[in-house]
PDB file of N, CA and C in Angstrom:
ATOM      1  N   MET A   1       1.008  -1.336   0.237  1.00  0.00           N
ATOM      2  CA  MET A   1      -0.144  -0.103  -0.023  1.00  0.00           C
ATOM      3  C   MET A   1       1.175   0.641  -0.150  1.00  0.00           C
ATOM      4  N   GLU A   2       0.413   1.963  -0.955  1.00  0.00           N
ATOM      5  CA  GLU A   2       1.276   3.655  -0.668  1.00  0.00           C
ATOM      6  C   GLU A   2       1.016   4.671  -0.597  1.00  0.00           C
ATOM      7  N   VAL A   3       1.482   5.052   0.675  1.00  0.00           N
ATOM      8  CA  VAL A   3       1.117   6.531   1.424  1.00  0.00           C
ATOM      9  C   VAL A   3       1.280   7.510   0.480  1.00  0.00           C
ATOM     10  N   ASN A   4       0.187   8.636   0.333  1.00  0.00           N
ATOM     11  CA  ASN A   4       0.816   9.983  -0.065  1.00  0.00           C
ATOM     12  C   ASN A   4       0.526  10.997   1.002  1.00  0.00           C
ATOM     13  N   THR A   5       2.669  11.416   1.335  1.00  0.00           N
ATOM     14  CA  THR A   5       2.706  12.311   2.389  1.00  0.00           C
ATOM     15  C   THR A   5       2.653  13.491   1.676  1.00  0.00           C
ATOM     16  N   LYS A   6       1.637  13.857   0.455  1.00  0.00           N
ATOM     17  CA  LYS A   6       2.711  15.628  -0.243  1.00  0.00           C
ATOM     18  C   LYS A   6       1.193  16.329   1.029  1.00  0.00           C
ATOM     19  N   ILE A   7       2.043  17.347   1.061  1.00  0.00           N
ATOM     20  CA  ILE A   7       2.162  18.163   1.764  1.00  0.00           C
ATOM     21  C   ILE A   7       0.089  18.955   1.046  1.00  0.00           C
ATOM     22  N   ARG A   8      -1.003  19.320   1.142  1.00  0.00           N
ATOM     23  CA  ARG A   8      -1.767  20.126   0.151  1.00  0.00           C
ATOM     24  C   ARG A   8      -2.092  21.363   1.122  1.00  0.00           C
ATOM     25  N   ARG A   9      -2.185  21.310   1.857  1.00  0.00           N
ATOM     26  CA  ARG A   9      -2.658  22.332   2.840  1.00  0.00           C
ATOM     27  C   ARG A   9      -1.362  22.807   3.902  1.00  0.00           C
ATOM     28  N   LEU A  10      -1.192  24.326   4.178  1.00  0.00           N
ATOM     29  CA  LEU A  10      -0.272  24.744   5.549  1.00  0.00           C
ATOM     30  C   LEU A  10      -1.364  25.511   5.952  1.00  0.00           C
ATOM     31  N   LEU A  11      -1.388  25.908   7.284  1.00  0.00           N
ATOM     32  CA  LEU A  11      -1.994  27.315   8.218  1.00  0.00           C
ATOM     33  C   LEU A  11      -0.437  27.414   8.729  1.00  0.00           C
ATOM     34  N   LEU A  12       0.071  28.976   8.272  1.00  0.00           N
ATOM     35  CA  LEU A  12       0.970  29.069   9.209  1.00  0.00           C
ATOM     36  C   LEU A  12       0.973  30.444  10.040  1.00  0.00           C
ATOM     37  N   ASP A  13       1.131  30.843  11.179  1.00  0.00           N
ATOM     38  CA  ASP A  13       0.383  32.324  11.852  1.00  0.00           C
ATOM     39  C   ASP A  13       2.970  32.422  11.598  1.00  0.00           C
ATOM     40  N   VAL A  14       2.362  33.434  11.003  1.00  0.00           N
ATOM     41  CA  VAL A  14       3.395  34.638  10.101  1.00  0.00           C
ATOM     42  C   VAL A  14       3.443  35.936  10.790  1.00  0.00           C
ATOM     43  N   ASP A  15       4.609  36.370  10.762  1.00  0.00           N
ATOM     44  CA  ASP A  15       4.845  37.863  11.746  1.00  0.00           C
ATOM     45  C   ASP A  15       5.303  38.462  10.816  1.00  0.00           C
ATOM     46  N   LYS A  16       5.299  40.126  10.574  1.00  0.00           N
ATOM     47  CA  LYS A  16       5.755  41.094   9.865  1.00  0.00           C
ATOM     48  C   LYS A  16       6.991  42.087  10.393  1.00  0.00           C
ATOM     49  N   ALA A  17       7.323  42.675   9.729  1.00  0.00           N
ATOM     50  CA  ALA A  17       7.089  44.465  10.423  1.00  0.00           C
ATOM     51  C   ALA A  17       5.911  45.038  10.009  1.00  0.00           C
ATOM     52  N   VAL A  18       5.554  46.367  10.519  1.00  0.00           N
ATOM     53  CA  VAL A  18       5.072  46.740   9.967  1.00  0.00           C
ATOM     54  C   VAL A  18       5.137  47.520   8.536  1.00  0.00           C
ATOM     55  N   ALA A  19       6.494  47.852   8.185  1.00  0.00           N
ATOM     56  CA  ALA A  19       6.802  48.643   7.141  1.00  0.00           C
ATOM     57  C   ALA A  19       6.592  47.828   5.803  1.00  0.00           C
ATOM     58  N   ARG A  20       7.353  46.837   5.970  1.00  0.00           N
ATOM     59  CA  ARG A  20       8.033  45.505   5.277  1.00  0.00           C
ATOM     60  C   ARG A  20       7.913  43.897   5.287  1.00  0.00           C
ATOM     61  N   PRO A  21       7.646  43.361   4.903  1.00  0.00           N
ATOM     62  CA  PRO A  21       7.324  43.440   3.194  1.00  0.00           C
ATOM     63  C   PRO A  21       5.987  43.925   3.381  1.00  0.00           C
ATOM     64  N   SER A  22       5.435  44.172   2.182  1.00  0.00           N
ATOM     65  CA  SER A  22       4.096  44.855   2.280  1.00  0.00           C
ATOM     66  C   SER A  22       2.995  42.978   2.408  1.00  0.00           C
ATOM     67  N   VAL A  23       1.502  43.280   2.186  1.00  0.00           N
ATOM     68  CA  VAL A  23       0.903  42.188   2.490  1.00  0.00           C
ATOM     69  C   VAL A  23       0.934  41.373   1.133  1.00  0.00           C
ATOM     70  N   VAL A  24       1.263  42.208   0.354  1.00  0.00           N
ATOM     71  CA  VAL A  24       0.689  41.515  -1.461  1.00  0.00           C
ATOM     72  C   VAL A  24       2.151  41.522  -1.557  1.00  0.00           C
ATOM     73  N   ASP A  25       3.409  41.452  -1.306  1.00  0.00           N
ATOM     74  CA  ASP A  25       4.645  41.496  -1.379  1.00  0.00           C
ATOM     75  C   ASP A  25       4.736  39.686  -0.540  1.00  0.00           C
ATOM     76  N   LEU A  26       4.005  39.230  -0.005  1.00  0.00           N
ATOM     77  CA  LEU A  26       4.528  38.288   0.553  1.00  0.00           C
ATOM     78  C   LEU A  26       3.611  37.218  -0.025  1.00  0.00           C
ATOM     79  N   ALA A  27       2.438  37.993  -0.154  1.00  0.00           N
ATOM     80  CA  ALA A  27       1.337  36.507  -0.944  1.00  0.00           C
ATOM     81  C   ALA A  27       2.554  35.717  -2.219  1.00  0.00           C
ATOM     82  N   ARG A  28       2.820  37.187  -2.872  1.00  0.00           N
ATOM     83  CA  ARG A  28       3.160  36.479  -4.549  1.00  0.00           C
ATOM     84  C   ARG A  28       4.758  36.146  -4.692  1.00  0.00           C
ATOM     85  N   ALA A  29       5.600  36.436  -3.128  1.00  0.00           N
ATOM     86  CA  ALA A  29       6.444  35.460  -2.719  1.00  0.00           C
ATOM     87  C   ALA A  29       5.866  34.280  -2.427  1.00  0.00           C
ATOM     88  N   ILE A  30       5.326  34.219  -1.970  1.00  0.00           N
ATOM     89  CA  ILE A  30       4.517  32.741  -1.555  1.00  0.00           C
ATOM     90  C   ILE A  30       4.139  31.763  -2.750  1.00  0.00           C
ATOM     91  N   SER A  31       3.387  32.401  -3.470  1.00  0.00           N
ATOM     92  CA  SER A  31       2.799  32.436  -4.839  1.00  0.00           C
ATOM     93  C   SER A  31       3.700  31.844  -5.886  1.00  0.00           C
ATOM     94  N   ARG A  32       5.346  31.929  -5.559  1.00  0.00           N
ATOM     95  CA  ARG A  32       5.528  31.464  -7.179  1.00  0.00           C
ATOM     96  C   ARG A  32       6.850  30.313  -6.684  1.00  0.00           C
ATOM     97  N   ILE A  33       6.374  30.298  -5.457  1.00  0.00           N
ATOM     98  CA  ILE A  33       6.602  28.664  -5.202  1.00  0.00           C
ATOM     99  C   ILE A  33       6.503  27.243  -6.014  1.00  0.00           C
ATOM    100  N   ALA A  34       6.996  27.031  -6.307  1.00  0.00           N
ATOM    101  CA  ALA A  34       6.394  25.089  -7.571  1.00  0.00           C
ATOM    102  C   ALA A  34       5.557  24.529  -6.021  1.00  0.00           C
ATOM    103  N   GLY A  35       4.225  24.164  -7.428  1.00  0.00           N
ATOM    104  CA  GLY A  35       3.512  23.539  -6.311  1.00  0.00           C
ATOM    105  C   GLY A  35       2.202  24.091  -5.386  1.00  0.00           C
ATOM    106  N   VAL A  36       2.860  26.031  -5.159  1.00  0.00           N
ATOM    107  CA  VAL A  36       1.581  25.980  -5.052  1.00  0.00           C
ATOM    108  C   VAL A  36       0.636  26.449  -5.643  1.00  0.00           C
ATOM    109  N   ASP A  37      -0.128  26.204  -5.473  1.00  0.00           N
ATOM    110  CA  ASP A  37      -1.652  26.788  -6.182  1.00  0.00           C
ATOM    111  C   ASP A  37      -2.971  28.051  -5.663  1.00  0.00           C
ATOM    112  N   ALA A  38      -3.098  27.912  -4.454  1.00  0.00           N
ATOM    113  CA  ALA A  38      -3.618  29.192  -3.661  1.00  0.00           C
ATOM    114  C   ALA A  38      -2.893  30.031  -2.520  1.00  0.00           C
ATOM    115  N   VAL A  39      -2.730  30.879  -2.369  1.00  0.00           N
ATOM    116  CA  VAL A  39      -2.092  32.248  -1.298  1.00  0.00           C
ATOM    117  C   VAL A  39      -3.228  32.397  -0.444  1.00  0.00           C
ATOM    118  N   ASN A  40      -3.470  32.736   1.115  1.00  0.00           N
ATOM    119  CA  ASN A  40      -4.625  33.905   2.198  1.00  0.00           C
ATOM    120  C   ASN A  40      -4.293  34.826   2.571  1.00  0.00           C
ATOM    121  N   VAL A  41      -3.745  35.156   2.558  1.00  0.00           N
ATOM    122  CA  VAL A  41      -2.637  36.168   3.555  1.00  0.00           C
ATOM    123  C   VAL A  41      -4.346  36.975   4.098  1.00  0.00           C
ATOM    124  N   THR A  42      -4.282  36.664   5.837  1.00  0.00           N
ATOM    125  CA  THR A  42      -5.014  37.468   6.858  1.00  0.00           C
ATOM    126  C   THR A  42      -4.418  37.716   7.948  1.00  0.00           C
ATOM    127  N   VAL A  43      -4.791  38.925   8.001  1.00  0.00           N
ATOM    128  CA  VAL A  43      -3.456  39.733   9.164  1.00  0.00           C
ATOM    129  C   VAL A  43      -4.872  39.638  10.061  1.00  0.00           C
ATOM    130  N   THR A  44      -4.258  39.524  11.363  1.00  0.00           N
ATOM    131  CA  THR A  44      -4.093  38.980  12.025  1.00  0.00           C
ATOM    132  C   THR A  44      -4.712  39.165  13.739  1.00  0.00           C
ATOM    133  N   GLU A  45      -3.768  40.433  13.785  1.00  0.00           N
ATOM    134  CA  GLU A  45      -3.591  41.654  14.351  1.00  0.00           C
ATOM    135  C   GLU A  45      -1.819  42.559  13.930  1.00  0.00           C
ATOM    136  N   ILE A  46      -1.658  43.428  14.711  1.00  0.00           N
ATOM    137  CA  ILE A  46      -1.554  44.818  14.608  1.00  0.00           C
ATOM    138  C   ILE A  46      -0.832  45.433  15.611  1.00  0.00           C
ATOM    139  N   ASP A  47       0.401  45.681  15.854  1.00  0.00           N
ATOM    140  CA  ASP A  47       0.648  46.777  17.099  1.00  0.00           C
ATOM    141  C   ASP A  47       1.606  47.559  16.345  1.00  0.00           C
ATOM    142  N   ILE A  48       2.616  48.527  16.896  1.00  0.00           N
ATOM    143  CA  ILE A  48       2.912  49.658  17.324  1.00  0.00           C
ATOM    144  C   ILE A  48       4.324  48.967  16.402  1.00  0.00           C
ATOM    145  N   GLU A  49       4.984  48.002  15.827  1.00  0.00           N
ATOM    146  CA  GLU A  49       5.882  47.385  15.281  1.00  0.00           C
ATOM    147  C   GLU A  49       5.972  46.542  14.284  1.00  0.00           C
ATOM    148  N   THR A  50       5.190  45.505  14.632  1.00  0.00           N
ATOM    149  CA  THR A  50       4.355  44.085  14.112  1.00  0.00           C
ATOM    150  C   THR A  50       3.294  43.888  13.812  1.00  0.00           C
ATOM    151  N   VAL A  51       3.059  43.101  12.754  1.00  0.00           N
ATOM    152  CA  VAL A  51       1.663  42.802  11.485  1.00  0.00           C
ATOM    153  C   VAL A  51       1.964  41.155  12.238  1.00  0.00           C
ATOM    154  N   GLY A  52       0.705  40.817  12.128  1.00  0.00           N
ATOM    155  CA  GLY A  52       0.366  39.542  12.511  1.00  0.00           C
ATOM    156  C   GLY A  52      -0.665  38.415  11.869  1.00  0.00           C
ATOM    157  N   MET A  53       0.048  37.311  10.695  1.00  0.00           N
ATOM    158  CA  MET A  53      -1.061  36.832  10.000  1.00  0.00           C
ATOM    159  C   MET A  53      -1.205  35.458  10.060  1.00  0.00           C
ATOM    160  N   ASP A  54      -2.768  35.267   9.238  1.00  0.00           N
ATOM    161  CA  ASP A  54      -2.334  33.561   9.117  1.00  0.00           C
ATOM    162  C   ASP A  54      -1.719  33.565   7.549  1.00  0.00           C
ATOM    163  N   VAL A  55      -1.442  33.123   7.345  1.00  0.00           N
ATOM    164  CA  VAL A  55      -0.689  32.310   5.599  1.00  0.00           C
ATOM    165  C   VAL A  55      -1.356  31.029   5.257  1.00  0.00           C
ATOM    166  N   THR A  56      -2.766  30.859   4.718  1.00  0.00           N
ATOM    167  CA  THR A  56      -3.154  29.756   4.737  1.00  0.00           C
ATOM    168  C   THR A  56      -2.183  29.237   3.167  1.00  0.00           C
ATOM    169  N   VAL A  57      -1.777  27.967   2.883  1.00  0.00           N
ATOM    170  CA  VAL A  57      -1.124  28.506   1.174  1.00  0.00           C
ATOM    171  C   VAL A  57      -2.247  26.680   1.291  1.00  0.00           C
ATOM    172  N   GLU A  58      -1.796  25.898  -0.204  1.00  0.00           N
ATOM    173  CA  GLU A  58      -2.689  25.172  -0.819  1.00  0.00           C
ATOM    174  C   GLU A  58      -2.035  24.888  -2.235  1.00  0.00           C
ATOM    175  N   GLY A  59      -1.546  23.306  -2.238  1.00  0.00           N
ATOM    176  CA  GLY A  59      -1.637  23.030  -3.597  1.00  0.00           C
ATOM    177  C   GLY A  59      -1.405  21.380  -3.310  1.00  0.00           C
ATOM    178  N   ASP A  60      -1.299  20.688  -4.455  1.00  0.00           N
ATOM    179  CA  ASP A  60      -1.373  19.402  -4.925  1.00  0.00           C
ATOM    180  C   ASP A  60       0.361  18.188  -4.105  1.00  0.00           C
ATOM    181  N   ALA A  61       1.678  19.693  -3.880  1.00  0.00           N
ATOM    182  CA  ALA A  61       2.594  19.086  -3.166  1.00  0.00           C
ATOM    183  C   ALA A  61       3.652  19.892  -2.875  1.00  0.00           C
ATOM    184  N   LEU A  62       3.242  20.787  -1.185  1.00  0.00           N
ATOM    185  CA  LEU A  62       3.661  22.011  -1.308  1.00  0.00           C
ATOM    186  C   LEU A  62       5.254  21.807  -0.793  1.00  0.00           C
ATOM    187  N   ASP A  63       5.849  22.389  -1.010  1.00  0.00           N
ATOM    188  CA  ASP A  63       7.211  22.527  -0.233  1.00  0.00           C
ATOM    189  C   ASP A  63       7.651  23.019   0.666  1.00  0.00           C
ATOM    190  N   TYR A  64       7.287  22.776   2.308  1.00  0.00           N
ATOM    191  CA  TYR A  64       7.382  23.388   2.734  1.00  0.00           C
ATOM    192  C   TYR A  64       8.410  24.226   3.383  1.00  0.00           C
ATOM    193  N   GLU A  65       9.940  23.936   2.982  1.00  0.00           N
ATOM    194  CA  GLU A  65      10.982  24.443   3.397  1.00  0.00           C
ATOM    195  C   GLU A  65      10.497  25.903   1.873  1.00  0.00           C
ATOM    196  N   GLY A  66      10.984  24.990   1.652  1.00  0.00           N
ATOM    197  CA  GLY A  66      10.459  26.731  -0.054  1.00  0.00           C
ATOM    198  C   GLY A  66       9.330  27.659   0.301  1.00  0.00           C
ATOM    199  N   ILE A  67       8.724  27.535   1.103  1.00  0.00           N
ATOM    200  CA  ILE A  67       7.614  28.186   1.320  1.00  0.00           C
ATOM    201  C   ILE A  67       8.190  28.977   2.441  1.00  0.00           C
ATOM    202  N   VAL A  68       9.199  28.523   3.822  1.00  0.00           N
ATOM    203  CA  VAL A  68       9.711  28.945   4.472  1.00  0.00           C
ATOM    204  C   VAL A  68      10.595  29.848   4.271  1.00  0.00           C
ATOM    205  N   ALA A  69      11.206  29.759   3.162  1.00  0.00           N
ATOM    206  CA  ALA A  69      12.214  30.600   2.739  1.00  0.00           C
ATOM    207  C   ALA A  69      11.884  31.508   1.798  1.00  0.00           C
ATOM    208  N   ALA A  70      10.735  30.984   1.517  1.00  0.00           N
ATOM    209  CA  ALA A  70      10.108  32.661   0.543  1.00  0.00           C
ATOM    210  C   ALA A  70      10.289  33.648   1.628  1.00  0.00           C
ATOM    211  N   ILE A  71       9.619  33.151   2.512  1.00  0.00           N
ATOM    212  CA  ILE A  71       8.734  33.928   3.607  1.00  0.00           C
ATOM    213  C   ILE A  71       9.708  34.799   4.843  1.00  0.00           C
ATOM    214  N   GLU A  72      10.799  34.353   4.682  1.00  0.00           N
ATOM    215  CA  GLU A  72      11.817  34.627   5.428  1.00  0.00           C
ATOM    216  C   GLU A  72      12.773  35.600   4.161  1.00  0.00           C
ATOM    217  N   SER A  73      12.856  35.534   3.165  1.00  0.00           N
ATOM    218  CA  SER A  73      13.396  36.529   2.233  1.00  0.00           C
ATOM    219  C   SER A  73      12.802  37.779   1.869  1.00  0.00           C
ATOM    220  N   ALA A  74      11.422  37.000   2.003  1.00  0.00           N
ATOM    221  CA  ALA A  74      10.547  38.703   2.195  1.00  0.00           C
ATOM    222  C   ALA A  74      10.468  39.796   3.439  1.00  0.00           C
ATOM    223  N   GLY A  75      11.216  38.688   4.391  1.00  0.00           N
ATOM    224  CA  GLY A  75      10.810  39.536   5.593  1.00  0.00           C
ATOM    225  C   GLY A  75      10.969  38.976   6.552  1.00  0.00           C
ATOM    226  N   ALA A  76      10.342  38.862   6.627  1.00  0.00           N
ATOM    227  CA  ALA A  76       8.405  37.616   7.590  1.00  0.00           C
ATOM    228  C   ALA A  76       9.234  36.617   8.184  1.00  0.00           C
ATOM    229  N   VAL A  77       8.505  36.029   9.304  1.00  0.00           N
ATOM    230  CA  VAL A  77       8.833  34.802  10.097  1.00  0.00           C
ATOM    231  C   VAL A  77       8.194  34.008  10.951  1.00  0.00           C
ATOM    232  N   VAL A  78       8.274  32.712  10.363  1.00  0.00           N
ATOM    233  CA  VAL A  78       6.963  31.934  10.315  1.00  0.00           C
ATOM    234  C   VAL A  78       7.164  31.766  12.319  1.00  0.00           C
ATOM    235  N   HIS A  79       5.785  32.192  13.129  1.00  0.00           N
ATOM    236  CA  HIS A  79       6.474  31.911  14.374  1.00  0.00           C
ATOM    237  C   HIS A  79       5.512  30.605  13.997  1.00  0.00           C
ATOM    238  N   SER A  80       4.747  29.885  13.984  1.00  0.00           N
ATOM    239  CA  SER A  80       3.873  28.077  14.183  1.00  0.00           C
ATOM    240  C   SER A  80       3.184  27.714  13.108  1.00  0.00           C
ATOM    241  N   VAL A  81       3.037  26.070  13.041  1.00  0.00           N
ATOM    242  CA  VAL A  81       2.721  26.213  11.615  1.00  0.00           C
ATOM    243  C   VAL A  81       1.953  25.216  12.616  1.00  0.00           C
ATOM    244  N   ASP A  82       0.398  26.109  12.237  1.00  0.00           N
ATOM    245  CA  ASP A  82      -1.464  25.644  13.402  1.00  0.00           C
ATOM    246  C   ASP A  82      -2.507  25.077  11.900  1.00  0.00           C
ATOM    247  N   GLU A  83      -2.305  23.833  11.227  1.00  0.00           N
ATOM    248  CA  GLU A  83      -2.511  23.286   9.890  1.00  0.00           C
ATOM    249  C   GLU A  83      -1.631  22.804   9.043  1.00  0.00           C
ATOM    250  N   VAL A  84      -2.073  21.256   9.787  1.00  0.00           N
ATOM    251  CA  VAL A  84      -1.259  21.068   8.084  1.00  0.00           C
ATOM    252  C   VAL A  84      -2.408  19.441   7.087  1.00  0.00           C
ATOM    253  N   VAL A  85      -2.506  19.386   5.925  1.00  0.00           N
ATOM    254  CA  VAL A  85      -2.839  18.877   5.880  1.00  0.00           C
ATOM    255  C   VAL A  85      -2.070  17.921   4.597  1.00  0.00           C
ATOM    256  N   ILE A  86      -2.122  16.560   4.608  1.00  0.00           N
ATOM    257  CA  ILE A  86      -1.352  15.858   3.699  1.00  0.00           C
ATOM    258  C   ILE A  86      -2.066  14.401   3.547  1.00  0.00           C
ATOM    259  N   GLY A  87      -1.875  14.029   2.171  1.00  0.00           N
ATOM    260  CA  GLY A  87      -3.068  13.152   1.442  1.00  0.00           C
ATOM    261  C   GLY A  87      -3.350  13.056  -0.116  1.00  0.00           C
ATOM    262  N   SER A  88      -4.492  12.297  -0.555  1.00  0.00           N
ATOM    263  CA  SER A  88      -4.345  12.088  -1.503  1.00  0.00           C
ATOM    264  C   SER A  88      -5.990  13.760  -1.240  1.00  0.00           C
ATOM    265  N   ARG A  89      -6.557  14.099  -0.404  1.00  0.00           N
ATOM    266  CA  ARG A  89      -7.202  14.833  -0.367  1.00  0.00           C
ATOM    267  C   ARG A  89      -8.176  15.564   0.294  1.00  0.00           C
ATOM    268  N   THR A  90      -8.067  17.002   0.803  1.00  0.00           N
ATOM    269  CA  THR A  90      -8.499  17.535   2.300  1.00  0.00           C
ATOM    270  C   THR A  90      -9.200  17.191   2.393  1.00  0.00           C
ATOM    271  N   VAL A  91      -9.235  17.649   4.027  1.00  0.00           N
ATOM    272  CA  VAL A  91     -10.009  17.420   5.150  1.00  0.00           C
ATOM    273  C   VAL A  91      -9.944  18.507   5.904  1.00  0.00           C
ATOM    274  N   ASP A  92     -11.254  19.464   6.183  1.00  0.00           N
ATOM    275  CA  ASP A  92     -11.793  20.437   6.117  1.00  0.00           C
ATOM    276  C   ASP A  92     -12.264  20.523   8.088  1.00  0.00           C
ATOM    277  N   ARG A  93     -11.892  20.995   8.354  1.00  0.00           N
ATOM    278  CA  ARG A  93     -11.803  21.180   9.852  1.00  0.00           C
ATOM    279  C   ARG A  93     -13.088  21.206  10.631  1.00  0.00           C
ATOM    280  N   ILE A  94     -14.089  20.311  11.814  1.00  0.00           N
ATOM    281  CA  ILE A  94     -15.210  20.476  11.511  1.00  0.00           C
ATOM    282  C   ILE A  94     -14.884  20.937  13.636  1.00  0.00           C
ATOM    283  N   GLU A  95     -15.405  21.951  13.311  1.00  0.00           N
ATOM    284  CA  GLU A  95     -15.910  22.484  15.369  1.00  0.00           C
ATOM    285  C   GLU A  95     -16.098  21.504  16.070  1.00  0.00           C
ATOM    286  N   ARG A  96     -16.239  21.289  16.896  1.00  0.00           N
ATOM    287  CA  ARG A  96     -16.390  20.154  17.652  1.00  0.00           C
ATOM    288  C   ARG A  96     -17.784  20.817  18.642  1.00  0.00           C
ATOM    289  N   GLN A  97     -18.131  20.287  18.901  1.00  0.00           N
ATOM    290  CA  GLN A  97     -19.920  20.856  19.462  1.00  0.00           C
ATOM    291  C   GLN A  97     -19.700  21.058  20.611  1.00  0.00           C
ATOM    292  N   ARG A  98     -19.478  21.426  21.716  1.00  0.00           N
ATOM    293  CA  ARG A  98     -19.241  21.764  23.440  1.00  0.00           C
ATOM    294  C   ARG A  98     -20.077  21.907  24.657  1.00  0.00           C
TER     295      ARG A  98
END
């Protein structure tokens, strides 16, 4: 049995300085990585010096190291990986009822 270990979705917690790079420049840098089909950058927090963002990246075979390198080259930093989807299809998160 063959196991599909290709990364299909990443949700990253990313911070950048207020001035640079712009959110658009960051999204464009990520979109240039081979295997990336879509990028969504959502600003979640702004303070005097930094901007916090959720960055969702989707594709059929994402290069995690290449995506992190693109983010760092653009002038931002990855704080954490908050979601990873691996396999032959994507699985959407379902909120639990409590």
